[in-house]
C-alpha atoms as a PDB file:
ATOM      1  CA  MET A   1     -11.015   4.843 -10.610  1.00  0.00           C
ATOM      2  CA  SER A   2      -7.965   4.890  -8.264  1.00  0.00           C
ATOM      3  CA  ASN A   3      -5.024   2.853  -7.693  1.00  0.00           C
ATOM      4  CA  ILE A   4      -2.071   3.198  -5.219  1.00  0.00           C
ATOM      5  CA  VAL A   5       1.745   2.806  -5.808  1.00  0.00           C
ATOM      6  CA  ILE A   6       3.999   1.549  -3.102  1.00  0.00           C
ATOM      7  CA  ASP A   7       7.653   2.476  -2.971  1.00  0.00           C
ATOM      8  CA  LYS A   8       8.948  -0.660  -1.568  1.00  0.00           C
ATOM      9  CA  THR A   9      12.364   0.917  -0.925  1.00  0.00           C
ATOM     10  CA  LYS A  10      10.675   3.311   1.684  1.00  0.00           C
ATOM     11  CA  CYS A  11       8.463   0.719   3.244  1.00  0.00           C
ATOM     12  CA  LYS A  12       9.698  -0.102   6.823  1.00  0.00           C
ATOM     13  CA  ALA A  13       7.115  -2.883   7.231  1.00  0.00           C
ATOM     14  CA  CYS A  14       5.060  -1.309   9.998  1.00  0.00           C
ATOM     15  CA  TYR A  15       1.829  -2.347   8.300  1.00  0.00           C
ATOM     16  CA  LEU A  16      -0.236   0.569   9.424  1.00  0.00           C
ATOM     17  CA  CYS A  17      -1.593   0.676   5.927  1.00  0.00           C
ATOM     18  CA  ILE A  18      -3.065  -2.771   6.005  1.00  0.00           C
ATOM     19  CA  LYS A  19      -5.183  -1.829   8.983  1.00  0.00           C
ATOM     20  CA  GLU A  20      -6.261   1.319   7.328  1.00  0.00           C
ATOM     21  CA  CYS A  21      -7.525  -0.251   4.024  1.00  0.00           C
ATOM     22  CA  PRO A  22     -11.391  -0.624   4.372  1.00  0.00           C
ATOM     23  CA  LYS A  23     -11.378  -3.224   1.587  1.00  0.00           C
ATOM     24  CA  GLY A  24      -8.403  -5.189   2.795  1.00  0.00           C
ATOM     25  CA  LEU A  25      -6.468  -4.627  -0.536  1.00  0.00           C
ATOM     26  CA  ILE A  26      -3.015  -4.250   1.063  1.00  0.00           C
ATOM     27  CA  LYS A  27      -1.263  -7.455   2.245  1.00  0.00           C
ATOM     28  CA  VAL A  28       2.297  -8.445   3.529  1.00  0.00           C
ATOM     29  CA  SER A  29       4.345  -9.546   0.594  1.00  0.00           C
ATOM     30  CA  LYS A  30       6.906 -12.313   0.549  1.00  0.00           C
ATOM     31  CA  ASP A  31       9.129  -9.667  -1.122  1.00  0.00           C
ATOM     32  CA  THR A  32      11.799  -7.953   0.962  1.00  0.00           C
ATOM     33  CA  ASN A  33      13.490  -4.677   0.437  1.00  0.00           C
ATOM     34  CA  SER A  34      17.209  -3.797   0.961  1.00  0.00           C
ATOM     35  CA  LEU A  35      16.485  -3.467   4.836  1.00  0.00           C
ATOM     36  CA  GLY A  36      15.213  -7.020   4.799  1.00  0.00           C
ATOM     37  CA  ASN A  37      11.654  -5.985   5.572  1.00  0.00           C
ATOM     38  CA  ASN A  38       8.785  -7.953   4.130  1.00  0.00           C
ATOM     39  CA  VAL A  39       7.114  -5.048   2.406  1.00  0.00           C
ATOM     40  CA  VAL A  40       3.437  -4.671   1.574  1.00  0.00           C
ATOM     41  CA  GLU A  41       1.749  -5.092  -1.730  1.00  0.00           C
ATOM     42  CA  PHE A  42      -1.470  -3.819  -3.358  1.00  0.00           C
ATOM     43  CA  ALA A  43      -3.731  -6.536  -4.667  1.00  0.00           C
ATOM     44  CA  ASP A  44      -6.832  -5.139  -6.350  1.00  0.00           C
ATOM     45  CA  ALA A  45      -7.800  -7.617  -9.200  1.00  0.00           C
ATOM     46  CA  LYS A  46     -11.452  -6.724  -8.983  1.00  0.00           C
ATOM     47  CA  ASN A  47     -10.961  -2.867  -8.926  1.00  0.00           C
ATOM     48  CA  GLU A  48     -12.428  -2.446  -5.527  1.00  0.00           C
ATOM     49  CA  CYS A  49     -10.130   0.413  -4.384  1.00  0.00           C
ATOM     50  CA  LEU A  50     -12.328   3.246  -3.261  1.00  0.00           C
ATOM     51  CA  GLY A  51      -9.615   5.845  -3.847  1.00  0.00           C
ATOM     52  CA  CYS A  52      -9.920   6.999  -0.120  1.00  0.00           C
ATOM     53  CA  ALA A  53      -6.136   7.299   0.200  1.00  0.00           C
ATOM     54  CA  MET A  54      -6.333   6.347   3.968  1.00  0.00           C
ATOM     55  CA  CYS A  55      -3.422   4.000   3.441  1.00  0.00           C
ATOM     56  CA  ALA A  56      -1.307   6.750   1.987  1.00  0.00           C
ATOM     57  CA  GLN A  57      -2.338   9.262   4.771  1.00  0.00           C
ATOM     58  CA  ARG A  58      -1.460   6.730   7.460  1.00  0.00           C
ATOM     59  CA  CYS A  59       1.961   5.715   6.077  1.00  0.00           C
ATOM     60  CA  PRO A  60       4.569   7.461   8.215  1.00  0.00           C
ATOM     61  CA  ASP A  61       7.238   7.035   5.461  1.00  0.00           C
ATOM     62  CA  LEU A  62       5.398   8.419   2.578  1.00  0.00           C
ATOM     63  CA  ALA A  63       5.841   5.103   0.781  1.00  0.00           C
ATOM     64  CA  ILE A  64       2.322   5.076  -0.714  1.00  0.00           C
ATOM     65  CA  ILE A  65       0.905   7.421  -3.349  1.00  0.00           C
ATOM     66  CA  GLU A  66      -2.574   7.394  -4.841  1.00  0.00           C
ATOM     67  CA  VAL A  67      -2.813   7.600  -8.622  1.00  0.00           C
ATOM     68  CA  ASN A  68      -5.862   7.920 -10.759  1.00  0.00           C
ATOM     69  CA  LYS A  69      -6.403   5.322 -13.434  1.00  0.00           C
ATOM     70  CA  GLY A  70      -8.222   6.822 -16.433  1.00  0.00           C
END
């Protein structure tokens, strides 16, 4: 099983990760960071994440990392 962690302080709200997620598990959050950007959030209540890390690869600011859940 995989999971992703989003560093909201690095997110510049480009939303490229949203377009990359094949399961649509990344969404725009109501939360903002210190830059005033509406950051993204990972919502995977059904454990649907494939662990493909396409979101992390696409993030130009390295704000997303994939972690394995054991």
